[in-house]
Amino acid sequence: MPAVGRSLLYLIVAGIAWGTAGAAASLMFRISDMGPLALSFWRCAGGLVLLLGALALRPRRVVVTLEPRRRRLLRILGTGSGLTLFQSAYFAAVQATGLAVATVVTLGAGPVLIALGARLTMGERLGRGGSAAVIGALAGLAVLVLGGESGEVRPLGVALAVVSAAGYAAITLLTRWLGRDGGASDALSTTTWAFAIGSVGLLPMAAVEGILPHTAEPVQVVGLLVYVAAVPTALAYALYFVGAAVVRAATVSVIMLLEPVSAAVIAVTLLGEQLTGATVTGTLLLLAAVSGLATAEARGAAERRREAVVAA
C-alpha cells in the first residue's frame, strides 16, 4: 500500500485532472457542434477501453470478503446510472453557463446533497457544523443565481449543475449505504462496469444528438476526445481509488476542492470567462461549505473513535 504522502499526491493530481474535463468540453463546444450527450458517450466509451486495460494489467489479488451477487448488481447499476447523469448534466451545464460556474455549483452542491441525503435515508446527524455548511451552500447558490449577470450565470446552467451534483450524490450515498455492513467491493472494477453501462445507455441518445460532430478542426476534436478519456477519466479515477483508500475521507473532500478551483482558474486565464463579484462571492460560500462539511465529518469520526475506546 502506498505511503500517505504519495496518496495525497495521487489525490491532488486527480483533483486537478478532473478540473480540466470541463475545460476540454468547453473547447469542444467552441470548435464543433458536438453536444453534451455525445461527449459523455465518448468519455464513457474511451474510459471503458482504458480501464479495461488497467484491469488486465494490474496484479491479481485476493478479495477477503466477496460481495453478494445481488448487492454487486445493485452497486454496478446504481453507479452506472448515477455516473451517466452526473457527466451528461455537467457537460450540459458547462455548455449552458460556462466552465467556472458549472464546476463550482456541481462540486459545491454535491457534498451538501450527500449530507442531506444521508440524514434523510440513513439517519446520519448533520450537527451544527453540517447544518451551517448546508445553509452556507444554499446562500452561495442564491448569490450565484440572483446576483450574477444574466450573460455570465444562466439559471438553466445552474439547474443542470445541481442535477449533476444529484447524480454524484446518489453514487456516494449508494456506496455508503451498501458499505454499512463492511462488505468488500472492488472500486476499479465497479467503475469499469459503470462506464460500460453509461456507454450503452448514452449511445442511442448520442446518436440522436449527433455522435460524430461537424467541425473544421477534426485533429483538435480527436485530440480533445482522447484527452478526456485518458486524463480526467481513466488516469484520474485510477489515482483517486488508490489515494482514497489510504487518506481520511474528510481530507479527501478538502483536496477535491482543487477540481473547482483549477476549473475556475482555467476558465478565467485560458477561456476568457469573466467572474463577477457575485460569482466570486457565491463560489467562496460554496467552497467554504464543503470545507465545513469536511471539518464536521472529521470531528464526528474523532468522537466516534473516542466513544469506541471508552466503551471498550
Protein backbone atom coordinates (compact mmCIF):
# COMPACT_ATOMS: atom_id res chain seq x y z
CA MET A 1 0.00 0.00 0.00
CA PRO A 2 1.45 3.42 -0.92
CA ALA A 3 2.58 5.88 1.71
CA VAL A 4 0.23 8.64 2.81
CA GLY A 5 2.38 11.30 1.13
CA ARG A 6 2.21 9.52 -2.20
CA SER A 7 -1.54 9.01 -1.80
CA LEU A 8 -2.01 12.73 -1.18
CA LEU A 9 -0.10 13.43 -4.39
CA TYR A 10 -2.35 10.99 -6.28
CA LEU A 11 -5.44 12.80 -4.98
CA ILE A 12 -4.04 16.22 -5.88
CA VAL A 13 -3.30 15.08 -9.44
CA ALA A 14 -6.77 13.51 -9.70
CA GLY A 15 -8.50 16.68 -8.48
CA ILE A 16 -6.63 18.91 -10.92
CA ALA A 17 -7.19 16.44 -13.77
CA TRP A 18 -10.94 16.36 -13.10
CA GLY A 19 -10.93 20.15 -13.21
CA THR A 20 -9.68 20.04 -16.80
CA ALA A 21 -12.54 17.84 -18.08
CA GLY A 22 -14.93 20.77 -18.26
CA ALA A 23 -12.30 22.91 -19.97
CA ALA A 24 -11.86 20.27 -22.66
CA ALA A 25 -15.65 20.14 -23.05
CA SER A 26 -15.84 23.93 -23.36
CA LEU A 27 -13.21 23.90 -26.09
CA MET A 28 -15.03 21.05 -27.84
CA PHE A 29 -18.27 23.03 -27.90
CA ARG A 30 -16.43 26.02 -29.37
CA ILE A 31 -14.84 24.19 -32.33
CA SER A 32 -17.57 21.67 -33.16
CA ASP A 33 -21.30 21.02 -32.93
CA MET A 34 -20.85 18.07 -30.56
CA GLY A 35 -23.46 18.04 -27.81
CA PRO A 36 -23.08 17.09 -24.14
CA LEU A 37 -24.67 13.64 -24.55
CA ALA A 38 -22.36 12.68 -27.39
CA LEU A 39 -19.35 13.94 -25.47
CA SER A 40 -20.44 11.96 -22.41
CA PHE A 41 -20.75 8.84 -24.57
CA TRP A 42 -17.24 9.20 -25.95
CA ARG A 43 -15.88 9.82 -22.46
CA CYS A 44 -17.56 6.67 -21.15
CA ALA A 45 -16.54 4.56 -24.14
CA GLY A 46 -12.95 5.77 -24.16
CA GLY A 47 -12.63 5.50 -20.40
CA LEU A 48 -14.07 1.98 -20.58
CA VAL A 49 -11.39 0.84 -23.01
CA LEU A 50 -8.58 2.30 -20.92
CA LEU A 51 -9.97 0.99 -17.61
CA LEU A 52 -10.33 -2.49 -19.12
CA GLY A 53 -6.64 -2.27 -19.94
CA ALA A 54 -5.85 -1.20 -16.39
CA LEU A 55 -7.84 -4.14 -15.01
CA ALA A 56 -5.99 -6.55 -17.28
CA LEU A 57 -2.57 -5.23 -16.28
CA ARG A 58 -2.99 -4.86 -12.52
CA PRO A 59 -1.66 -7.64 -10.27
CA ARG A 60 -4.21 -10.24 -9.28
CA ARG A 61 -5.27 -10.01 -5.66
CA VAL A 62 -7.47 -12.00 -3.32
CA VAL A 63 -10.61 -10.28 -2.01
CA VAL A 64 -11.22 -11.44 1.55
CA THR A 65 -14.97 -10.80 1.58
CA LEU A 66 -16.79 -11.28 -1.70
CA GLU A 67 -19.82 -9.05 -2.25
CA PRO A 68 -23.10 -10.93 -2.81
CA ARG A 69 -24.20 -11.00 -6.44
CA ARG A 70 -27.42 -9.04 -5.86
CA ARG A 71 -25.59 -6.28 -3.97
CA ARG A 72 -22.89 -6.15 -6.61
CA LEU A 73 -25.52 -5.82 -9.35
CA LEU A 74 -27.24 -3.01 -7.44
CA ARG A 75 -23.91 -1.26 -6.93
CA ILE A 76 -22.97 -1.52 -10.61
CA LEU A 77 -26.37 -0.42 -11.97
CA GLY A 78 -26.67 2.42 -9.45
CA THR A 79 -23.15 3.65 -10.07
CA GLY A 80 -23.58 3.42 -13.84
CA SER A 81 -26.85 5.36 -13.81
CA GLY A 82 -25.52 8.00 -11.42
CA LEU A 83 -22.29 8.41 -13.36
CA THR A 84 -24.19 8.84 -16.62
CA LEU A 85 -26.43 11.53 -15.11
CA PHE A 86 -23.50 13.22 -13.37
CA GLN A 87 -21.35 13.52 -16.50
CA SER A 88 -24.08 14.37 -19.01
CA ALA A 89 -25.70 17.07 -16.87
CA TYR A 90 -22.27 18.52 -16.03
CA PHE A 91 -21.24 18.88 -19.68
CA ALA A 92 -24.67 20.38 -20.44
CA ALA A 93 -24.15 22.86 -17.59
CA VAL A 94 -20.73 23.83 -18.97
CA GLN A 95 -22.33 24.43 -22.37
CA ALA A 96 -25.15 26.49 -20.82
CA THR A 97 -23.41 28.69 -18.25
CA GLY A 98 -19.66 28.26 -18.65
CA LEU A 99 -16.92 26.17 -17.05
CA ALA A 100 -16.32 28.08 -13.81
CA VAL A 101 -19.92 28.36 -12.60
CA ALA A 102 -20.89 24.84 -13.72
CA THR A 103 -17.97 23.22 -11.93
CA VAL A 104 -18.29 25.22 -8.73
CA VAL A 105 -22.03 24.58 -8.43
CA THR A 106 -21.67 20.86 -9.20
CA LEU A 107 -18.82 20.28 -6.76
CA GLY A 108 -20.25 22.64 -4.14
CA ALA A 109 -23.79 21.28 -4.19
CA GLY A 110 -22.68 17.62 -4.25
CA PRO A 111 -21.42 17.32 -0.65
CA VAL A 112 -24.44 19.26 0.61
CA LEU A 113 -26.85 16.90 -1.16
CA ILE A 114 -24.88 13.97 0.25
CA ALA A 115 -25.19 15.34 3.79
CA LEU A 116 -28.93 15.93 3.40
CA GLY A 117 -29.45 12.57 1.72
CA ALA A 118 -27.54 10.74 4.45
CA ARG A 119 -29.70 12.47 7.03
CA LEU A 120 -32.96 11.53 5.30
CA THR A 121 -32.10 7.98 4.20
CA MET A 122 -29.70 6.73 6.86
CA GLY A 123 -30.42 8.94 9.84
CA GLU A 124 -26.91 10.43 9.94
CA ARG A 125 -26.74 13.56 12.08
CA LEU A 126 -25.77 16.82 10.45
CA GLY A 127 -24.67 18.53 13.64
CA ARG A 128 -24.13 22.26 13.97
CA GLY A 129 -21.20 22.29 11.57
CA GLY A 130 -23.10 20.32 8.95
CA SER A 131 -26.20 22.49 9.28
CA ALA A 132 -24.13 25.66 8.94
CA ALA A 133 -22.42 24.22 5.86
CA VAL A 134 -25.78 23.43 4.22
CA ILE A 135 -27.04 26.95 4.91
CA GLY A 136 -23.80 28.39 3.53
CA ALA A 137 -24.07 26.33 0.36
CA LEU A 138 -27.68 27.40 -0.21
CA ALA A 139 -26.61 31.01 0.29
CA GLY A 140 -23.82 30.54 -2.24
CA LEU A 141 -26.22 29.13 -4.82
CA ALA A 142 -28.64 32.02 -4.20
CA VAL A 143 -25.88 34.59 -4.69
CA LEU A 144 -24.77 32.90 -7.92
CA VAL A 145 -28.26 32.76 -9.41
CA LEU A 146 -29.70 36.06 -8.16
CA GLY A 147 -26.57 38.19 -8.04
CA GLY A 148 -24.85 37.14 -11.26
CA GLU A 149 -25.32 38.99 -14.52
CA SER A 150 -27.56 37.18 -16.98
CA GLY A 151 -24.74 36.94 -19.51
CA GLU A 152 -22.44 35.16 -17.08
CA VAL A 153 -24.69 33.00 -14.87
CA ARG A 154 -27.67 31.32 -16.51
CA PRO A 155 -30.31 29.70 -14.28
CA LEU A 156 -30.65 26.76 -16.68
CA GLY A 157 -26.94 26.04 -16.40
CA VAL A 158 -27.07 26.26 -12.61
CA ALA A 159 -30.06 23.89 -12.56
CA LEU A 160 -28.20 21.40 -14.76
CA ALA A 161 -25.20 21.64 -12.44
CA VAL A 162 -27.43 20.83 -9.46
CA VAL A 163 -28.81 17.82 -11.38
CA SER A 164 -25.23 16.74 -11.99
CA ALA A 165 -24.50 17.11 -8.29
CA ALA A 166 -27.54 14.95 -7.54
CA GLY A 167 -26.08 12.17 -9.70
CA TYR A 168 -22.78 12.43 -7.87
CA ALA A 169 -24.56 12.42 -4.51
CA ALA A 170 -26.62 9.35 -5.46
CA ILE A 171 -23.45 7.37 -6.24
CA THR A 172 -21.87 8.34 -2.92
CA LEU A 173 -24.99 7.60 -0.88
CA LEU A 174 -25.44 4.22 -2.55
CA THR A 175 -21.82 3.33 -1.86
CA ARG A 176 -22.13 4.42 1.76
CA TRP A 177 -25.42 2.53 2.23
CA LEU A 178 -24.05 -0.69 0.73
CA GLY A 179 -20.89 -0.39 2.80
CA ARG A 180 -22.59 -0.06 6.19
CA ASP A 181 -22.13 -3.75 6.94
CA GLY A 182 -18.46 -3.70 5.98
CA GLY A 183 -18.85 -5.71 2.77
CA ALA A 184 -15.87 -5.53 0.42
CA SER A 185 -16.06 -4.21 -3.14
CA ASP A 186 -13.65 -3.58 -5.97
CA ALA A 187 -13.94 0.14 -6.78
CA LEU A 188 -11.98 -0.01 -10.04
CA SER A 189 -14.00 -2.96 -11.33
CA THR A 190 -17.27 -1.30 -10.34
CA THR A 191 -16.33 1.91 -12.14
CA THR A 192 -15.32 -0.02 -15.25
CA TRP A 193 -18.75 -1.67 -15.30
CA ALA A 194 -20.34 1.74 -14.67
CA PHE A 195 -18.65 3.17 -17.75
CA ALA A 196 -19.90 0.18 -19.73
CA ILE A 197 -23.47 0.90 -18.58
CA GLY A 198 -23.01 4.58 -19.40
CA SER A 199 -21.74 3.79 -22.89
CA VAL A 200 -24.72 1.54 -23.65
CA GLY A 201 -27.27 3.92 -22.14
CA LEU A 202 -25.88 7.03 -23.83
CA LEU A 203 -25.38 5.53 -27.29
CA PRO A 204 -28.96 5.95 -28.58
CA MET A 205 -29.28 9.47 -27.16
CA ALA A 206 -25.86 10.44 -28.52
CA ALA A 207 -26.86 9.06 -31.92
CA VAL A 208 -29.96 11.29 -31.96
CA GLU A 209 -27.93 14.30 -30.84
CA GLY A 210 -25.16 13.60 -33.37
CA ILE A 211 -22.47 11.19 -32.33
CA LEU A 212 -19.98 12.38 -34.97
CA PRO A 213 -19.53 16.16 -34.82
CA HIS A 214 -19.17 18.54 -37.73
CA THR A 215 -16.01 20.59 -37.34
CA ALA A 216 -13.34 22.45 -39.26
CA GLU A 217 -10.76 21.22 -36.73
CA PRO A 218 -11.01 17.39 -36.78
CA VAL A 219 -7.50 16.85 -35.39
CA GLN A 220 -8.23 19.04 -32.37
CA VAL A 221 -11.56 17.31 -31.78
CA VAL A 222 -9.95 13.86 -31.80
CA GLY A 223 -7.17 15.11 -29.53
CA LEU A 224 -9.68 16.52 -27.03
CA LEU A 225 -11.70 13.27 -27.04
CA VAL A 226 -8.56 11.22 -26.37
CA TYR A 227 -7.54 13.61 -23.61
CA VAL A 228 -10.97 13.49 -21.90
CA ALA A 229 -10.98 9.68 -21.96
CA ALA A 230 -7.36 9.29 -20.82
CA VAL A 231 -6.51 12.01 -18.29
CA PRO A 232 -9.63 13.19 -16.38
CA THR A 233 -11.27 9.78 -16.74
CA ALA A 234 -9.05 6.68 -16.72
CA LEU A 235 -5.97 8.23 -15.06
CA ALA A 236 -7.84 10.41 -12.57
CA TYR A 237 -10.17 7.63 -11.41
CA ALA A 238 -7.30 5.17 -11.02
CA LEU A 239 -5.29 7.64 -8.93
CA TYR A 240 -8.35 8.57 -6.88
CA PHE A 241 -9.08 4.95 -5.97
CA VAL A 242 -5.53 4.38 -4.78
CA GLY A 243 -5.33 7.62 -2.81
CA ALA A 244 -8.81 7.49 -1.26
CA ALA A 245 -8.08 4.02 0.11
CA VAL A 246 -5.34 5.49 2.35
CA VAL A 247 -6.31 9.10 3.13
CA ARG A 248 -9.15 10.05 5.51
CA ALA A 249 -12.49 10.86 3.87
CA ALA A 250 -12.55 14.40 5.30
CA THR A 251 -9.08 15.08 3.87
CA VAL A 252 -10.16 13.70 0.51
CA SER A 253 -13.15 16.09 0.47
CA VAL A 254 -10.90 19.10 1.03
CA ILE A 255 -8.32 18.01 -1.56
CA MET A 256 -11.07 17.54 -4.14
CA LEU A 257 -11.75 21.28 -3.86
CA LEU A 258 -8.82 21.52 -6.26
CA GLU A 259 -11.24 20.49 -9.01
CA PRO A 260 -13.49 23.58 -8.96
CA VAL A 261 -10.55 25.84 -8.15
CA SER A 262 -8.48 24.57 -11.08
CA ALA A 263 -11.52 24.76 -13.36
CA ALA A 264 -12.14 28.37 -12.34
CA VAL A 265 -8.50 29.30 -12.97
CA ILE A 266 -8.59 27.68 -16.42
CA ALA A 267 -11.90 29.36 -17.23
CA VAL A 268 -10.54 32.83 -16.48
CA THR A 269 -6.96 32.54 -17.75
CA LEU A 270 -7.39 30.34 -20.83
CA LEU A 271 -11.05 30.52 -21.86
CA GLY A 272 -11.64 34.21 -21.17
CA GLU A 273 -14.65 33.76 -18.89
CA GLN A 274 -15.50 36.70 -16.67
CA LEU A 275 -16.10 36.28 -12.94
CA THR A 276 -18.32 38.95 -11.41
CA GLY A 277 -18.28 39.93 -7.77
CA ALA A 278 -21.42 37.87 -7.17
CA THR A 279 -19.83 34.85 -8.87
CA VAL A 280 -16.73 35.08 -6.70
CA THR A 281 -18.81 35.52 -3.53
CA GLY A 282 -21.06 32.58 -4.34
CA THR A 283 -18.03 30.45 -5.20
CA LEU A 284 -16.32 31.24 -1.89
CA LEU A 285 -19.51 30.41 0.03
CA LEU A 286 -19.83 27.03 -1.71
CA LEU A 287 -16.18 26.14 -1.16
CA ALA A 288 -16.42 27.19 2.49
CA ALA A 289 -19.48 24.96 2.85
CA VAL A 290 -17.60 21.94 1.55
CA SER A 291 -14.69 22.69 3.89
CA GLY A 292 -17.14 22.98 6.77
CA LEU A 293 -18.69 19.61 5.95
CA ALA A 294 -15.24 18.01 5.82
CA THR A 295 -14.37 19.52 9.21
CA ALA A 296 -17.65 18.31 10.71
CA GLU A 297 -17.01 14.83 9.32
CA ALA A 298 -13.52 14.74 10.82
CA ARG A 299 -14.84 15.81 14.23
CA GLY A 300 -17.62 13.23 14.06
CA ALA A 301 -15.17 10.47 13.22
CA ALA A 302 -12.92 11.51 16.10
CA GLU A 303 -15.86 11.47 18.53
CA ARG A 304 -16.90 8.00 17.37
CA ARG A 305 -13.38 6.71 17.90
CA ARG A 306 -13.29 8.16 21.44
CA GLU A 307 -16.67 6.60 22.23
CA ALA A 308 -15.46 3.24 20.94
CA VAL A 309 -12.33 3.44 23.13
CA VAL A 310 -14.41 4.32 26.22
CA ALA A 311 -16.87 1.50 25.50
CA ALA A 312 -14.01 -0.98 25.16
